[in-house]
Structures are given as structure tokens and as C-alpha cells.
Amino acid sequence: MIGWIMLSPKAVASAEAALHSDELGVRDEVGFLALHQAFSDRFFPGTSVLHTRLRYALFVPWLMLHAQGDAAQLRKHEMALTWQLNLGGDKGNGVIGGTILPRAPSQPASMIYWTALSRWRILHARPDGTISSRSDVLKRILVTNRLGLGRHRTDDGEPSADEDLSPFVRLPDPPATFLKAGEPLDFRVTPKERTFLRRQLIGVSRGSMQHSTQCLLARLAEHGLPEGRVEAPWSKAVFSIADADDQRALSIAKRAAALTGIGRALYAALVEDAKAGDGAERTTRHREDVRKMVAEFGNDAMALDMAELRSLVPGLSGYLADVLVQTHKWLHAGKDAVAPLRDIYQLAEVERKGSRARLAANLGGRRRRAEWSAADHPLAAPLHFRWQNVCRLLIDLRAP
């Protein structure tokens, strides 16, 4: 019997997102990425692990304005820009969709950078402070153009008040070769673009958009990313730029990153042991990785104050909090066996993933473990809080 299943666009998108998450190594079996997001959003508002280069924060509004509110035209313009950036020699160096041309990426630049445009106040907020959707902004541009608004200039050449109808703040002009077929483009920002982007980033606040305190991203934009390779946001050179509140938060984030890195290794080791218990050949790759992670990051992880963590991330789910607490206790007890942690990790994974949980003590869990490969599952690493992406953006902001 053959059956046909009709999937909604939302279901297809969800499935594709899950596949892309695995490709990016973003496996979040017990919910550790909640900490990643909380600290990343505090230190670097508007950023994403999908952000590649800073000039996209200008490319996107330029593309939307060029499309004059037409969604189909925007898609064509985004593809045209991708071709131009590949011609500019940046293929494989941050070009969104550059390696899959002529196919379009599942998430175009205008989607990936949308939150950034809002948090960095390149996109005007609605009167109630909320973010306009891409479709709403396109409609607004379309109506503005049809009514002939926003195009007038005063006698001295300055934009008229009608330009306030634009969904974006006043932008630098795009380069003359923008969207010109066959003409190369790259990610090097011009002096005027750098001045604009630096001004916008310096104004990014911590917490809500109405908050007046500069976030760490804003301070780094103002002072400049320290020269040389900076491995983590709590490196001494970055730590000295942060204000006192963020210095405290960075110390906690460093310890939380260490604890969750060990937690990731423990999860893989528990699956490895459970698979052997199902009758598969016993492997020790991830069990050995637990020892390595504990040796390298155990002291930082044990130094984490759980009460301080909860004060900074008050919305932790109960199952994730339990995993963190029990892993913390396990480290302090100096135990080597991972089996005592199986129940708490199993509960967390089942709560999070339901029938897809690998640690589940049922037939579904056995099937998922049978599909799991210790050799293919990546070794653990601490959370990075988008640091490498942020460094790339800040390097783009530097004057040549």
C-alpha cells in the first residue's frame, strides 16, 4: 500500500531546520542552548550564529528598498547579490547561499539579519515598540512608493519630512555597482558605512531596547575588538572593556560554558553506554571525552554558583536546572562513573524530545540508539555564546 502525505510549508520548514541544526553541530538534547541564548542575547543583542558579515546589515535594507516592496523582486535581488559577492572573491567567506548557487538558501539574508536590523535600530520600531515583520515592511515600502512619498527633497537638497515614512533610518547610499549584473561586490565597508554602523552598534543597549546601559557588543564597537586572536569573550582584553555588571556576568558565563560542555560529553557517554547495554559493540570514545573535558574545564564548572546563574537566567526550565545541579554535584563528588546521571539526563531528554529521545528506556529509545554512531557524534565543547560570529562582525567594522 502506498500513501501520500501532504506536508504544510511550516512542517517542511521545521524538518529542514532540524536537518540544518545537525549540520551546524547544534544538537541540544537536554536544553543547554537556553543558556547559550540567554548569555548571547545579553552580551551581543541582535546577533545570531547564522550571521556572517557586517555589511549584510546594509545590504538587506538596500535590497528591500530596491525591490520597492515586491517580495518576488526581493528574492531575485538577494540571488543577484549572492552572485555579485561570489564574483568579488568572497565565495565561502561569509556569502549566504554562495556555495549552493543557483539554488536559493533556505533562510535568505533578509530573514537572518532581521532581528539585528531592529536591535541595532536600523529598522524603525513600531509605535508600541515591537518589531515589524518583513512582510509588513515590504507593504509599507510598496504603499510609500505608490503614493510617491519619501522621494522629495527640499531646495537645499536635504531629504524632506516625507522620508520619515521609510521603515529604515537614513542609510548611507549603496555602492554604484550594487545589483549591477557582472559587477563584483565584497564585504569591505566604506568609511561612510563604517561611521554609520559604528554609531548604530554603539547605541545598542543591554536588555530591552529602552534600557540605557551599553551592552558588551556596543562597548566593543566603541573601543574596538582587541588585536590578535581572542579566544573567548571572557579573555582578559575583552573583560577589561566590559562594565562591572557584564564582568560579573562574563565570569558566570565562563563557568556555565564549562559545566554545559561537560554535560554535553556526559550525554554522549550515557548514550554510548546505553547502546552497549542494548547489545551493541562497546565503544569508549565519549567516555574518554568526559575525562578530558573534566580535566580541562572541571575547575571552572565546579566554581559555578547556581544561585548566581539563576539570578542572571531566571527562566531556566525545571528539567534543565536539575541536570545542571546534578552534574555540578557529580563533579564535586569526584566520581568517575557516569551511570548515576542517566536518570536525570533521561528525564530531561524525554521532556525535551519526547519519542525522539535516545536515552528513553523503551523500544523507541533503543531504535534511536541503534541509529546513533559514537564515531559520528561530535566531541563536546563548551558553549561559545556566538563569539566567533561576533568577532567576524567586529573585524569587518575595523578601518583597513
Protein backbone atom coordinates (compact mmCIF):
# COMPACT_ATOMS: atom_id res chain seq x y z
CA MET A 1 0.00 0.00 0.00
CA ILE A 2 1.34 3.41 -0.98
CA GLY A 3 0.18 6.54 0.77
CA TRP A 4 0.76 10.21 0.09
CA ILE A 5 1.37 12.64 2.90
CA MET A 6 0.82 16.34 2.34
CA LEU A 7 3.13 18.44 4.46
CA SER A 8 2.38 22.04 5.26
CA PRO A 9 5.06 24.65 4.46
CA LYS A 10 5.55 25.08 8.20
CA ALA A 11 6.18 21.35 8.67
CA VAL A 12 8.66 21.30 5.80
CA ALA A 13 10.46 24.32 7.26
CA SER A 14 10.63 22.68 10.69
CA ALA A 15 12.09 19.48 9.24
CA GLU A 16 14.62 21.45 7.20
CA ALA A 17 15.60 23.50 10.24
CA ALA A 18 16.23 20.30 12.22
CA LEU A 19 18.48 18.97 9.46
CA HIS A 20 20.41 22.23 9.24
CA SER A 21 20.80 22.29 13.02
CA ASP A 22 22.53 18.91 12.89
CA GLU A 23 24.74 20.10 10.05
CA LEU A 24 25.80 23.07 12.16
CA GLY A 25 26.52 20.82 15.15
CA VAL A 26 23.70 22.41 17.14
CA ARG A 27 22.45 19.32 18.93
CA ASP A 28 20.57 20.31 22.04
CA GLU A 29 19.33 17.09 23.61
CA VAL A 30 18.74 18.37 27.14
CA GLY A 31 18.30 22.11 26.60
CA PHE A 32 21.76 23.60 27.19
CA LEU A 33 21.23 26.11 24.37
CA ALA A 34 18.82 28.00 26.62
CA LEU A 35 21.91 29.24 28.48
CA HIS A 36 23.67 29.93 25.20
CA GLN A 37 20.82 32.12 24.02
CA ALA A 38 20.37 33.93 27.34
CA PHE A 39 24.02 34.97 27.66
CA SER A 40 24.44 35.66 23.93
CA ASP A 41 21.42 37.96 23.90
CA ARG A 42 22.70 39.79 26.95
CA PHE A 43 26.22 40.39 25.64
CA PHE A 44 25.54 40.61 21.89
CA PRO A 45 21.91 41.64 21.21
CA GLY A 46 20.66 41.13 17.68
CA THR A 47 23.38 38.65 16.73
CA SER A 48 22.89 35.10 15.52
CA VAL A 49 25.04 32.05 14.85
CA LEU A 50 23.97 32.47 11.22
CA HIS A 51 25.45 35.96 10.92
CA THR A 52 28.48 36.01 8.70
CA ARG A 53 29.49 39.56 7.72
CA LEU A 54 28.60 43.02 8.96
CA ARG A 55 27.83 44.62 5.59
CA TYR A 56 24.69 42.48 5.32
CA ALA A 57 23.16 44.90 7.84
CA LEU A 58 23.26 47.43 5.00
CA PHE A 59 22.72 45.04 2.10
CA VAL A 60 19.36 43.91 3.46
CA PRO A 61 17.67 47.35 3.74
CA TRP A 62 19.19 48.37 0.39
CA LEU A 63 17.75 45.20 -1.18
CA MET A 64 14.30 45.81 0.28
CA LEU A 65 14.21 49.42 -0.87
CA HIS A 66 15.41 48.41 -4.34
CA ALA A 67 12.65 45.81 -4.51
CA GLN A 68 10.10 48.62 -3.87
CA GLY A 69 8.02 46.38 -1.67
CA ASP A 70 7.78 43.46 -4.10
CA ALA A 71 8.57 40.17 -2.30
CA ALA A 72 9.31 38.28 -5.52
CA GLN A 73 11.66 41.05 -6.63
CA LEU A 74 13.40 40.93 -3.24
CA ARG A 75 14.14 37.23 -3.75
CA LYS A 76 15.61 37.97 -7.19
CA HIS A 77 17.71 40.80 -5.77
CA GLU A 78 19.06 38.57 -2.98
CA MET A 79 20.15 36.00 -5.56
CA ALA A 80 21.73 38.75 -7.69
CA LEU A 81 23.68 40.00 -4.67
CA THR A 82 24.93 36.48 -3.93
CA TRP A 83 26.30 36.21 -7.48
CA GLN A 84 28.00 39.60 -7.12
CA LEU A 85 29.62 38.66 -3.80
CA ASN A 86 30.91 35.43 -5.31
CA LEU A 87 32.38 37.44 -8.18
CA GLY A 88 34.04 39.65 -5.58
CA GLY A 89 36.14 36.76 -4.35
CA ASP A 90 34.27 36.18 -1.08
CA LYS A 91 32.83 32.79 -2.05
CA GLY A 92 32.97 30.58 1.03
CA ASN A 93 33.90 33.55 3.21
CA GLY A 94 30.54 34.61 4.56
CA VAL A 95 28.42 34.73 1.39
CA ILE A 96 24.96 33.49 2.39
CA GLY A 97 23.96 30.88 -0.20
CA GLY A 98 27.24 31.34 -2.07
CA THR A 99 28.09 27.65 -2.20
CA ILE A 100 24.68 26.39 -3.39
CA LEU A 101 24.02 28.70 -6.35
CA PRO A 102 21.84 28.66 -8.41
CA ARG A 103 19.65 27.30 -5.58
CA ALA A 104 18.35 29.78 -3.02
CA PRO A 105 19.25 29.30 0.66
CA SER A 106 16.52 28.10 3.00
CA GLN A 107 17.00 31.29 5.02
CA PRO A 108 17.83 34.40 2.98
CA ALA A 109 19.88 37.26 4.35
CA SER A 110 16.78 39.40 4.89
CA MET A 111 15.46 36.75 7.28
CA ILE A 112 18.75 36.00 9.04
CA TYR A 113 19.52 39.67 9.79
CA TRP A 114 16.01 40.85 10.61
CA THR A 115 16.42 40.87 14.39
CA ALA A 116 19.77 42.62 14.02
CA LEU A 117 18.21 45.43 11.99
CA SER A 118 15.73 46.01 14.79
CA ARG A 119 18.05 45.68 17.80
CA TRP A 120 20.68 47.84 16.12
CA ARG A 121 17.95 50.40 15.34
CA ILE A 122 18.50 50.34 11.61
CA LEU A 123 14.84 49.34 11.29
CA HIS A 124 12.40 51.68 13.00
CA ALA A 125 10.34 50.07 15.73
CA ARG A 126 6.56 50.24 15.68
CA PRO A 127 4.92 52.91 17.89
CA ASP A 128 4.32 50.24 20.54
CA GLY A 129 7.99 49.24 20.46
CA THR A 130 7.50 45.88 18.72
CA ILE A 131 9.35 44.70 15.60
CA SER A 132 7.64 44.96 12.23
CA SER A 133 7.65 41.77 10.17
CA ARG A 134 9.40 41.60 6.81
CA SER A 135 6.06 41.39 5.03
CA ASP A 136 4.76 44.48 6.87
CA VAL A 137 7.86 46.44 5.92
CA LEU A 138 7.56 45.40 2.29
CA LYS A 139 3.93 46.52 2.27
CA ARG A 140 4.93 49.83 3.81
CA ILE A 141 7.61 50.39 1.16
CA LEU A 142 5.14 49.45 -1.57
CA VAL A 143 2.49 51.91 -0.34
CA THR A 144 5.04 54.68 0.13
CA ASN A 145 6.32 54.26 -3.41
CA ARG A 146 2.84 54.10 -4.93
CA LEU A 147 1.84 57.31 -3.18
CA GLY A 148 5.06 58.96 -4.31
CA LEU A 149 6.14 59.69 -0.75
CA GLY A 150 9.65 59.76 0.60
CA ARG A 151 11.16 60.89 -2.70
CA HIS A 152 11.03 64.65 -2.32
CA ARG A 153 13.88 66.94 -1.40
CA THR A 154 13.98 70.48 -0.16
CA ASP A 155 15.55 73.34 -2.11
CA ASP A 156 18.92 72.78 -0.44
CA GLY A 157 18.93 69.13 -1.44
CA GLU A 158 18.13 67.69 2.00
CA PRO A 159 15.50 64.92 2.33
CA SER A 160 12.04 66.21 3.09
CA ALA A 161 9.97 65.21 6.09
CA ASP A 162 8.27 62.58 3.91
CA GLU A 163 11.40 60.41 4.25
CA ASP A 164 10.34 59.79 7.85
CA LEU A 165 7.87 57.35 6.30
CA SER A 166 10.73 54.99 5.48
CA PRO A 167 10.86 51.89 7.71
CA PHE A 168 14.61 52.36 8.00
CA VAL A 169 16.76 55.09 9.46
CA ARG A 170 18.64 57.26 6.98
CA LEU A 171 21.17 54.93 5.37
CA PRO A 172 24.42 55.52 3.52
CA ASP A 173 24.00 55.26 -0.24
CA PRO A 174 24.69 51.83 -1.74
CA PRO A 175 27.76 51.47 -3.97
CA ALA A 176 27.31 52.33 -7.64
CA THR A 177 27.77 48.68 -8.63
CA PHE A 178 25.05 47.42 -6.27
CA LEU A 179 22.82 44.89 -8.13
CA LYS A 180 24.67 45.52 -11.40
CA ALA A 181 24.94 42.18 -13.20
CA GLY A 182 28.52 41.05 -13.77
CA GLU A 183 29.96 43.61 -11.33
CA PRO A 184 31.79 42.22 -8.26
CA LEU A 185 30.98 43.27 -4.70
CA ASP A 186 32.65 42.44 -1.41
CA PHE A 187 32.17 42.89 2.33
CA ARG A 188 34.56 45.78 2.83
CA VAL A 189 32.63 48.67 4.34
CA THR A 190 33.31 52.18 3.10
CA PRO A 191 34.28 54.97 5.54
CA LYS A 192 30.71 56.35 5.49
CA GLU A 193 29.26 52.88 6.06
CA ARG A 194 31.70 52.27 8.91
CA THR A 195 30.72 55.53 10.59
CA PHE A 196 27.04 54.63 10.29
CA LEU A 197 27.40 51.04 11.51
CA ARG A 198 29.66 52.01 14.40
CA ARG A 199 27.16 54.67 15.51
CA GLN A 200 24.31 52.16 15.42
CA LEU A 201 26.23 49.48 17.31
CA ILE A 202 27.49 51.89 19.99
CA GLY A 203 23.85 52.67 20.76
CA VAL A 204 22.83 49.05 21.37
CA SER A 205 21.66 48.62 24.95
CA ARG A 206 21.59 45.68 27.32
CA GLY A 207 18.22 44.08 27.96
CA SER A 208 15.23 45.86 26.47
CA MET A 209 15.64 48.41 23.70
CA GLN A 210 14.61 51.10 26.17
CA HIS A 211 17.50 50.21 28.50
CA SER A 212 20.16 52.90 28.59
CA THR A 213 23.19 50.79 29.57
CA GLN A 214 25.55 49.83 26.75
CA CYS A 215 25.81 46.11 26.10
CA LEU A 216 29.18 44.42 25.62
CA LEU A 217 28.77 44.48 21.83
CA ALA A 218 28.32 48.28 21.97
CA ARG A 219 31.42 48.74 24.13
CA LEU A 220 33.47 46.57 21.78
CA ALA A 221 32.22 48.59 18.80
CA GLU A 222 33.21 51.79 20.60
CA HIS A 223 36.62 50.66 21.88
CA GLY A 224 37.44 48.23 19.10
CA LEU A 225 37.98 44.48 19.19
CA PRO A 226 41.40 43.78 20.73
CA GLU A 227 44.07 42.89 18.20
CA GLY A 228 45.13 39.30 17.71
CA ARG A 229 43.12 36.13 18.26
CA VAL A 230 40.74 36.48 21.19
CA GLU A 231 39.55 33.01 22.14
CA ALA A 232 36.56 33.86 24.31
CA PRO A 233 34.52 36.86 25.49
CA TRP A 234 35.96 36.46 29.00
CA SER A 235 39.52 36.84 27.71
CA LYS A 236 41.42 39.47 29.68
CA ALA A 237 41.42 42.06 26.87
CA VAL A 238 37.62 41.85 26.42
CA PHE A 239 36.93 41.57 30.14
CA SER A 240 38.67 44.92 30.70
CA ILE A 241 36.32 46.61 28.20
CA ALA A 242 33.13 45.28 29.85
CA ASP A 243 31.41 47.25 32.61
CA ALA A 244 31.21 45.86 36.14
CA ASP A 245 27.84 44.13 35.65
CA ASP A 246 29.00 42.40 32.49
CA GLN A 247 32.31 41.44 34.08
CA ARG A 248 30.34 39.57 36.73
CA ALA A 249 28.10 38.04 34.04
CA LEU A 250 31.12 37.02 31.95
CA SER A 251 32.63 35.18 34.92
CA ILE A 252 29.37 33.29 35.42
CA ALA A 253 29.06 32.63 31.68
CA LYS A 254 32.57 31.15 31.57
CA ARG A 255 31.71 28.70 34.34
CA ALA A 256 28.32 27.87 32.84
CA ALA A 257 30.00 27.21 29.48
CA ALA A 258 32.40 24.80 31.19
CA LEU A 259 29.60 22.97 33.01
CA THR A 260 27.46 22.58 29.90
CA GLY A 261 30.46 21.43 27.88
CA ILE A 262 30.97 18.64 30.40
CA GLY A 263 27.23 18.00 30.31
CA ARG A 264 27.37 17.50 26.55
CA ALA A 265 30.18 14.99 26.95
CA LEU A 266 28.22 13.19 29.67
CA TYR A 267 25.13 12.94 27.49
CA ALA A 268 27.10 11.31 24.66
CA ALA A 269 28.81 8.93 27.11
CA LEU A 270 25.43 7.93 28.56
CA VAL A 271 24.08 7.14 25.09
CA GLU A 272 27.28 5.23 24.34
CA ASP A 273 26.84 3.13 27.49
CA ALA A 274 23.11 2.61 26.86
CA LYS A 275 23.80 1.42 23.32
CA ALA A 276 26.32 -1.10 24.63
CA GLY A 277 23.68 -2.23 27.12
CA ASP A 278 21.37 -2.88 24.16
CA GLY A 279 23.87 -5.44 22.88
CA ALA A 280 25.91 -3.27 20.52
CA GLU A 281 29.70 -3.28 20.46
CA ARG A 282 31.05 -1.25 23.37
CA THR A 283 32.90 1.94 22.49
CA THR A 284 34.66 4.38 24.81
CA ARG A 285 35.17 7.45 22.62
CA HIS A 286 32.78 9.67 24.55
CA ARG A 287 33.57 8.18 27.94
CA GLU A 288 37.18 9.18 27.37
CA ASP A 289 35.99 12.59 26.24
CA VAL A 290 34.24 13.07 29.61
CA ARG A 291 37.57 12.56 31.38
CA LYS A 292 39.26 15.01 29.03
CA MET A 293 36.56 17.65 29.48
CA VAL A 294 36.59 17.28 33.28
CA ALA A 295 40.37 17.62 33.35
CA GLU A 296 40.27 20.77 31.21
CA PHE A 297 37.11 22.50 32.41
CA GLY A 298 36.20 20.84 35.71
CA ASN A 299 37.58 23.56 37.98
CA ASP A 300 35.67 26.31 36.18
CA ALA A 301 32.50 24.21 36.16
CA MET A 302 32.73 23.48 39.90
CA ALA A 303 33.24 27.19 40.60
CA LEU A 304 29.80 28.00 39.16
CA ASP A 305 27.41 29.37 41.76
CA MET A 306 23.98 28.01 40.83
CA ALA A 307 22.18 30.80 42.67
CA GLU A 308 24.12 33.42 40.68
CA LEU A 309 23.29 31.59 37.46
CA ARG A 310 19.58 31.58 38.29
CA SER A 311 19.72 35.30 39.06
CA LEU A 312 21.03 36.02 35.56
CA VAL A 313 18.91 33.39 33.79
CA PRO A 314 15.71 33.27 35.85
CA GLY A 315 13.65 31.40 33.26
CA LEU A 316 15.53 28.10 33.35
CA SER A 317 13.25 25.12 32.85
CA GLY A 318 12.95 22.73 35.77
CA TYR A 319 14.46 19.77 33.94
CA LEU A 320 17.47 21.77 32.73
CA ALA A 321 18.06 23.19 36.21
CA ASP A 322 18.00 19.65 37.62
CA VAL A 323 20.57 18.46 35.06
CA LEU A 324 22.87 21.37 35.89
CA VAL A 325 22.55 20.86 39.65
CA GLN A 326 23.14 17.11 39.49
CA THR A 327 26.08 17.47 37.10
CA HIS A 328 27.55 20.09 39.43
CA LYS A 329 27.18 17.73 42.40
CA TRP A 330 28.65 14.84 40.40
CA LEU A 331 31.76 16.92 39.69
CA HIS A 332 32.18 17.94 43.31
CA ALA A 333 31.84 14.29 44.38
CA GLY A 334 34.78 13.42 42.16
CA LYS A 335 33.01 10.42 40.67
CA ASP A 336 34.13 8.70 37.50
CA ALA A 337 31.13 6.50 36.66
CA VAL A 338 28.52 8.26 34.53
CA ALA A 339 25.68 5.78 35.16
CA PRO A 340 24.34 7.62 38.27
CA LEU A 341 23.44 10.56 36.00
CA ARG A 342 21.43 8.54 33.49
CA ASP A 343 18.02 9.04 35.13
CA ILE A 344 18.24 12.83 35.32
CA TYR A 345 19.58 13.15 31.75
CA GLN A 346 16.95 10.71 30.52
CA LEU A 347 14.14 12.69 32.14
CA ALA A 348 15.44 15.92 30.63
CA GLU A 349 15.80 14.47 27.14
CA VAL A 350 12.37 12.81 27.20
CA GLU A 351 10.82 16.06 28.45
CA ARG A 352 12.51 17.94 25.62
CA LYS A 353 12.35 15.47 22.73
CA GLY A 354 9.57 13.02 23.57
CA SER A 355 9.62 9.97 21.33
CA ARG A 356 12.90 11.10 19.74
CA ALA A 357 14.87 10.73 22.98
CA ARG A 358 17.85 8.39 22.69
CA LEU A 359 18.11 7.71 26.41
CA ALA A 360 14.46 6.63 26.73
CA ALA A 361 14.06 3.18 28.31
CA ASN A 362 11.64 1.89 25.69
CA LEU A 363 11.66 0.44 22.19
CA GLY A 364 11.75 3.91 20.63
CA GLY A 365 14.87 4.74 22.63
CA ARG A 366 16.55 1.51 21.51
CA ARG A 367 15.78 2.33 17.89
CA ARG A 368 17.17 5.83 18.22
CA ARG A 369 20.33 4.47 19.86
CA ALA A 370 20.71 1.90 17.08
CA GLU A 371 20.80 4.79 14.57
CA TRP A 372 23.31 6.72 16.69
CA SER A 373 27.03 6.43 15.92
CA ALA A 374 29.66 7.16 18.55
CA ALA A 375 32.18 7.85 15.79
CA ASP A 376 29.95 10.38 14.02
CA HIS A 377 28.63 12.19 17.08
CA PRO A 378 30.84 15.26 17.66
CA LEU A 379 33.01 15.51 20.73
CA ALA A 380 31.85 18.01 23.32
CA ALA A 381 32.84 21.64 23.61
CA PRO A 382 31.81 24.46 25.94
CA LEU A 383 29.17 26.94 24.80
CA HIS A 384 30.68 29.75 22.71
CA PHE A 385 27.94 32.42 23.00
CA ARG A 386 28.29 33.36 19.29
CA TRP A 387 31.76 34.71 19.98
CA GLN A 388 33.39 33.76 16.67
CA ASN A 389 30.48 35.30 14.73
CA VAL A 390 30.72 38.48 16.78
CA CYS A 391 34.48 38.67 16.20
CA ARG A 392 33.93 38.46 12.44
CA LEU A 393 31.41 41.32 12.57
CA LEU A 394 33.73 43.47 14.68
CA ILE A 395 36.70 42.76 12.41
CA ASP A 396 34.59 43.99 9.49
CA LEU A 397 34.00 47.20 11.45
CA ARG A 398 37.72 47.93 11.75
CA ALA A 399 39.25 50.52 9.47
CA PRO A 400 41.61 48.88 6.93
